[in-house]
Amino acid sequence: MLLSAWVVVSLYRQPSGRVDKLSGDLSYPVYLIHTTVAAWFMCPCGFSRSFDFFLKSFALTLLLSWLIVIAIDRPLSRLKLKPAGAGRRANAPSGG
């Protein structure tokens, strides 16, 4: 737990890049579908969980997660309502 806290604190002020954003976007879809994809490959690859099983299931998990982000997550995030006053400047007087 201390190591995790140290990583979070050390990365707090670091600017995030495209890879960081994509990794963050993919994290929840990967979490949601990795067991389902693994179940799809259980019979064709056997129950031994070989390296072949890992490569196929990992590649398909990343592909499906990316498709979920592109086709579902990003379009839905554009539809979210913005909080009241989000477009105002901080110093602008409120009319009222």
N, C-alpha and C. Protein backbone atom coordinates (compact mmCIF):
# COMPACT_ATOMS: atom_id res chain seq x y z
N MET A 1 0.82 -1.17 0.00
CA MET A 1 0.00 0.00 0.00
C MET A 1 0.88 1.25 0.00
N LEU A 2 1.98 1.22 0.71
CA LEU A 2 2.88 2.37 0.72
C LEU A 2 3.49 2.60 -0.67
N LEU A 3 3.82 1.52 -1.36
CA LEU A 3 4.36 1.66 -2.71
C LEU A 3 3.34 2.29 -3.65
N SER A 4 2.10 1.87 -3.56
CA SER A 4 1.04 2.45 -4.39
C SER A 4 0.85 3.92 -4.08
N ALA A 5 0.88 4.28 -2.82
CA ALA A 5 0.74 5.69 -2.43
C ALA A 5 1.90 6.50 -2.97
N TRP A 6 3.10 5.96 -2.90
CA TRP A 6 4.28 6.67 -3.42
C TRP A 6 4.16 6.91 -4.92
N VAL A 7 3.68 5.91 -5.67
CA VAL A 7 3.53 6.05 -7.12
C VAL A 7 2.50 7.14 -7.43
N VAL A 8 1.39 7.13 -6.73
CA VAL A 8 0.35 8.14 -6.97
C VAL A 8 0.88 9.53 -6.67
N VAL A 9 1.55 9.70 -5.56
CA VAL A 9 2.08 11.02 -5.19
C VAL A 9 3.16 11.47 -6.17
N SER A 10 4.02 10.56 -6.61
CA SER A 10 5.10 10.95 -7.51
C SER A 10 4.59 11.30 -8.91
N LEU A 11 3.47 10.76 -9.31
CA LEU A 11 2.93 11.04 -10.64
C LEU A 11 1.89 12.15 -10.64
N TYR A 12 1.60 12.72 -9.49
CA TYR A 12 0.51 13.68 -9.36
C TYR A 12 0.68 14.89 -10.27
N ARG A 13 1.83 15.47 -10.33
CA ARG A 13 2.05 16.69 -11.12
C ARG A 13 2.59 16.43 -12.52
N GLN A 14 2.71 15.19 -12.91
CA GLN A 14 3.25 14.86 -14.23
C GLN A 14 2.17 15.09 -15.29
N PRO A 15 2.55 15.70 -16.42
CA PRO A 15 1.57 15.86 -17.49
C PRO A 15 1.28 14.49 -18.12
N SER A 16 0.03 14.27 -18.46
CA SER A 16 -0.33 12.99 -19.07
C SER A 16 -0.30 13.12 -20.59
N GLY A 17 0.11 12.05 -21.22
CA GLY A 17 0.20 12.02 -22.67
C GLY A 17 -0.92 11.18 -23.26
N ARG A 18 -0.82 10.95 -24.55
CA ARG A 18 -1.84 10.17 -25.26
C ARG A 18 -1.87 8.72 -24.78
N VAL A 19 -0.70 8.15 -24.52
CA VAL A 19 -0.64 6.77 -24.06
C VAL A 19 -1.29 6.64 -22.69
N ASP A 20 -1.05 7.61 -21.81
CA ASP A 20 -1.68 7.59 -20.49
C ASP A 20 -3.19 7.67 -20.59
N LYS A 21 -3.67 8.56 -21.44
CA LYS A 21 -5.12 8.72 -21.62
C LYS A 21 -5.74 7.45 -22.19
N LEU A 22 -5.09 6.87 -23.20
CA LEU A 22 -5.62 5.64 -23.79
C LEU A 22 -5.61 4.50 -22.77
N SER A 23 -4.54 4.38 -22.01
CA SER A 23 -4.48 3.34 -20.98
C SER A 23 -5.59 3.50 -19.95
N GLY A 24 -5.82 4.74 -19.55
CA GLY A 24 -6.90 5.00 -18.60
C GLY A 24 -8.26 4.70 -19.19
N ASP A 25 -8.46 5.06 -20.46
CA ASP A 25 -9.74 4.78 -21.12
C ASP A 25 -9.98 3.28 -21.27
N LEU A 26 -8.91 2.52 -21.51
CA LEU A 26 -9.05 1.08 -21.72
C LEU A 26 -9.20 0.29 -20.43
N SER A 27 -8.82 0.86 -19.31
CA SER A 27 -8.75 0.08 -18.07
C SER A 27 -10.10 -0.51 -17.67
N TYR A 28 -11.16 0.25 -17.71
CA TYR A 28 -12.45 -0.28 -17.28
C TYR A 28 -13.02 -1.30 -18.27
N PRO A 29 -13.00 -1.04 -19.59
CA PRO A 29 -13.46 -2.09 -20.51
C PRO A 29 -12.64 -3.38 -20.40
N VAL A 30 -11.34 -3.28 -20.19
CA VAL A 30 -10.52 -4.49 -20.01
C VAL A 30 -10.99 -5.23 -18.77
N TYR A 31 -11.22 -4.50 -17.70
CA TYR A 31 -11.71 -5.11 -16.46
C TYR A 31 -13.05 -5.81 -16.69
N LEU A 32 -13.93 -5.20 -17.47
CA LEU A 32 -15.26 -5.77 -17.68
C LEU A 32 -15.25 -7.03 -18.53
N ILE A 33 -14.41 -7.09 -19.57
CA ILE A 33 -14.55 -8.18 -20.54
C ILE A 33 -13.44 -9.22 -20.51
N HIS A 34 -12.40 -9.07 -19.69
CA HIS A 34 -11.29 -10.01 -19.79
C HIS A 34 -11.68 -11.44 -19.43
N THR A 35 -12.57 -11.62 -18.48
CA THR A 35 -12.95 -12.98 -18.12
C THR A 35 -13.85 -13.62 -19.19
N THR A 36 -14.68 -12.81 -19.83
CA THR A 36 -15.53 -13.33 -20.90
C THR A 36 -14.68 -13.78 -22.09
N VAL A 37 -13.71 -12.97 -22.46
CA VAL A 37 -12.83 -13.34 -23.57
C VAL A 37 -12.04 -14.59 -23.21
N ALA A 38 -11.57 -14.68 -21.98
CA ALA A 38 -10.83 -15.88 -21.56
C ALA A 38 -11.72 -17.11 -21.66
N ALA A 39 -12.99 -16.98 -21.30
CA ALA A 39 -13.91 -18.11 -21.40
C ALA A 39 -14.12 -18.53 -22.84
N TRP A 40 -14.13 -17.57 -23.77
CA TRP A 40 -14.29 -17.90 -25.19
C TRP A 40 -13.13 -18.76 -25.69
N PHE A 41 -11.93 -18.53 -25.16
CA PHE A 41 -10.75 -19.24 -25.63
C PHE A 41 -10.43 -20.49 -24.80
N MET A 42 -11.20 -20.78 -23.77
CA MET A 42 -10.90 -21.92 -22.93
C MET A 42 -10.97 -23.24 -23.71
N CYS A 43 -12.03 -23.45 -24.45
CA CYS A 43 -12.17 -24.71 -25.19
C CYS A 43 -11.21 -24.82 -26.36
N PRO A 44 -11.09 -23.80 -27.23
CA PRO A 44 -10.16 -23.95 -28.36
C PRO A 44 -8.69 -24.08 -27.92
N CYS A 45 -8.30 -23.43 -26.85
CA CYS A 45 -6.90 -23.44 -26.43
C CYS A 45 -6.61 -24.45 -25.33
N GLY A 46 -7.64 -25.04 -24.78
CA GLY A 46 -7.44 -25.99 -23.69
C GLY A 46 -7.44 -25.28 -22.35
N PHE A 47 -7.46 -26.08 -21.31
CA PHE A 47 -7.54 -25.53 -19.96
C PHE A 47 -6.17 -25.28 -19.33
N SER A 48 -5.10 -25.51 -20.09
CA SER A 48 -3.76 -25.35 -19.53
C SER A 48 -3.30 -23.90 -19.49
N ARG A 49 -4.01 -23.02 -20.17
CA ARG A 49 -3.66 -21.59 -20.23
C ARG A 49 -2.23 -21.40 -20.71
N SER A 50 -1.99 -21.82 -21.91
CA SER A 50 -0.67 -21.72 -22.52
C SER A 50 -0.38 -20.29 -22.95
N PHE A 51 0.82 -20.09 -23.48
CA PHE A 51 1.19 -18.77 -23.99
C PHE A 51 0.33 -18.40 -25.19
N ASP A 52 -0.04 -19.39 -25.99
CA ASP A 52 -0.93 -19.18 -27.13
C ASP A 52 -2.28 -18.64 -26.65
N PHE A 53 -2.80 -19.23 -25.58
CA PHE A 53 -4.04 -18.76 -24.96
C PHE A 53 -3.90 -17.30 -24.53
N PHE A 54 -2.79 -16.97 -23.88
CA PHE A 54 -2.56 -15.60 -23.42
C PHE A 54 -2.54 -14.62 -24.60
N LEU A 55 -1.77 -14.95 -25.64
CA LEU A 55 -1.66 -14.03 -26.78
C LEU A 55 -3.00 -13.77 -27.44
N LYS A 56 -3.75 -14.83 -27.69
CA LYS A 56 -5.05 -14.67 -28.35
C LYS A 56 -6.03 -13.90 -27.48
N SER A 57 -6.15 -14.27 -26.23
CA SER A 57 -7.13 -13.61 -25.37
C SER A 57 -6.73 -12.17 -25.05
N PHE A 58 -5.44 -11.91 -24.88
CA PHE A 58 -4.99 -10.55 -24.60
C PHE A 58 -5.22 -9.63 -25.80
N ALA A 59 -4.90 -10.13 -27.00
CA ALA A 59 -5.10 -9.33 -28.21
C ALA A 59 -6.58 -9.02 -28.41
N LEU A 60 -7.44 -10.02 -28.25
CA LEU A 60 -8.87 -9.79 -28.43
C LEU A 60 -9.44 -8.89 -27.33
N THR A 61 -8.96 -9.03 -26.12
CA THR A 61 -9.41 -8.16 -25.03
C THR A 61 -9.06 -6.70 -25.32
N LEU A 62 -7.84 -6.45 -25.77
CA LEU A 62 -7.45 -5.07 -26.10
C LEU A 62 -8.25 -4.53 -27.27
N LEU A 63 -8.46 -5.36 -28.29
CA LEU A 63 -9.22 -4.91 -29.46
C LEU A 63 -10.66 -4.58 -29.07
N LEU A 64 -11.31 -5.46 -28.35
CA LEU A 64 -12.70 -5.20 -27.94
C LEU A 64 -12.79 -4.00 -27.00
N SER A 65 -11.84 -3.86 -26.12
CA SER A 65 -11.84 -2.70 -25.21
C SER A 65 -11.68 -1.41 -25.98
N TRP A 66 -10.80 -1.40 -26.97
CA TRP A 66 -10.60 -0.21 -27.80
C TRP A 66 -11.88 0.11 -28.56
N LEU A 67 -12.54 -0.91 -29.11
CA LEU A 67 -13.80 -0.69 -29.83
C LEU A 67 -14.88 -0.14 -28.90
N ILE A 68 -14.93 -0.62 -27.67
CA ILE A 68 -15.90 -0.10 -26.71
C ILE A 68 -15.63 1.38 -26.43
N VAL A 69 -14.38 1.74 -26.28
CA VAL A 69 -14.02 3.14 -26.02
C VAL A 69 -14.40 4.01 -27.22
N ILE A 70 -14.06 3.56 -28.42
CA ILE A 70 -14.33 4.36 -29.63
C ILE A 70 -15.82 4.43 -29.95
N ALA A 71 -16.52 3.29 -29.88
CA ALA A 71 -17.91 3.24 -30.33
C ALA A 71 -18.93 3.62 -29.26
N ILE A 72 -18.59 3.46 -27.99
CA ILE A 72 -19.58 3.69 -26.94
C ILE A 72 -19.15 4.80 -25.98
N ASP A 73 -17.98 4.67 -25.39
CA ASP A 73 -17.58 5.57 -24.31
C ASP A 73 -17.40 7.02 -24.79
N ARG A 74 -16.63 7.21 -25.83
CA ARG A 74 -16.38 8.59 -26.29
C ARG A 74 -17.63 9.28 -26.82
N PRO A 75 -18.47 8.60 -27.65
CA PRO A 75 -19.71 9.28 -28.06
C PRO A 75 -20.63 9.62 -26.89
N LEU A 76 -20.71 8.73 -25.90
CA LEU A 76 -21.56 9.03 -24.74
C LEU A 76 -21.00 10.16 -23.90
N SER A 77 -19.68 10.26 -23.81
CA SER A 77 -19.10 11.34 -23.00
C SER A 77 -19.35 12.70 -23.64
N ARG A 78 -19.54 12.75 -24.95
CA ARG A 78 -19.87 14.01 -25.60
C ARG A 78 -21.30 14.45 -25.32
N LEU A 79 -22.15 13.50 -24.94
CA LEU A 79 -23.55 13.82 -24.66
C LEU A 79 -23.80 14.26 -23.22
N LYS A 80 -22.81 14.13 -22.36
CA LYS A 80 -23.00 14.50 -20.96
C LYS A 80 -23.32 15.99 -20.84
N LEU A 81 -24.16 16.30 -19.89
CA LEU A 81 -24.49 17.69 -19.62
C LEU A 81 -23.34 18.34 -18.87
N LYS A 82 -23.04 19.57 -19.24
CA LYS A 82 -22.00 20.31 -18.54
C LYS A 82 -22.63 20.97 -17.31
N PRO A 83 -21.87 21.07 -16.22
CA PRO A 83 -22.40 21.71 -15.02
C PRO A 83 -22.76 23.17 -15.29
N ALA A 84 -23.73 23.67 -14.56
CA ALA A 84 -24.15 25.07 -14.71
C ALA A 84 -22.97 25.99 -14.41
N GLY A 85 -22.77 26.95 -15.29
CA GLY A 85 -21.70 27.92 -15.09
C GLY A 85 -20.34 27.44 -15.58
N ALA A 86 -20.27 26.28 -16.22
CA ALA A 86 -18.98 25.76 -16.68
C ALA A 86 -18.41 26.62 -17.80
N GLY A 87 -19.27 27.28 -18.55
CA GLY A 87 -18.78 28.09 -19.67
C GLY A 87 -18.42 29.51 -19.26
N ARG A 88 -18.78 29.91 -18.05
CA ARG A 88 -18.48 31.28 -17.59
C ARG A 88 -17.03 31.42 -17.17
N ARG A 89 -16.56 32.64 -17.27
CA ARG A 89 -15.22 32.94 -16.74
C ARG A 89 -15.32 33.08 -15.23
N ALA A 90 -14.21 32.83 -14.58
CA ALA A 90 -14.19 32.87 -13.10
C ALA A 90 -14.46 34.27 -12.57
N ASN A 91 -14.00 35.32 -13.28
CA ASN A 91 -14.13 36.70 -12.78
C ASN A 91 -15.35 37.41 -13.30
N ALA A 92 -16.13 36.76 -14.16
CA ALA A 92 -17.30 37.43 -14.72
C ALA A 92 -18.36 37.62 -13.65
N PRO A 93 -18.96 38.80 -13.59
CA PRO A 93 -20.02 39.03 -12.60
C PRO A 93 -21.26 38.23 -12.98
N SER A 94 -21.92 37.72 -11.97
CA SER A 94 -23.16 36.99 -12.24
C SER A 94 -24.29 37.99 -12.35
N GLY A 95 -25.12 37.79 -13.33
CA GLY A 95 -26.24 38.74 -13.54
C GLY A 95 -27.40 38.39 -12.64
N GLY A 96 -27.59 39.08 -11.59
CA GLY A 96 -28.73 38.72 -10.77
C GLY A 96 -28.90 39.54 -9.62
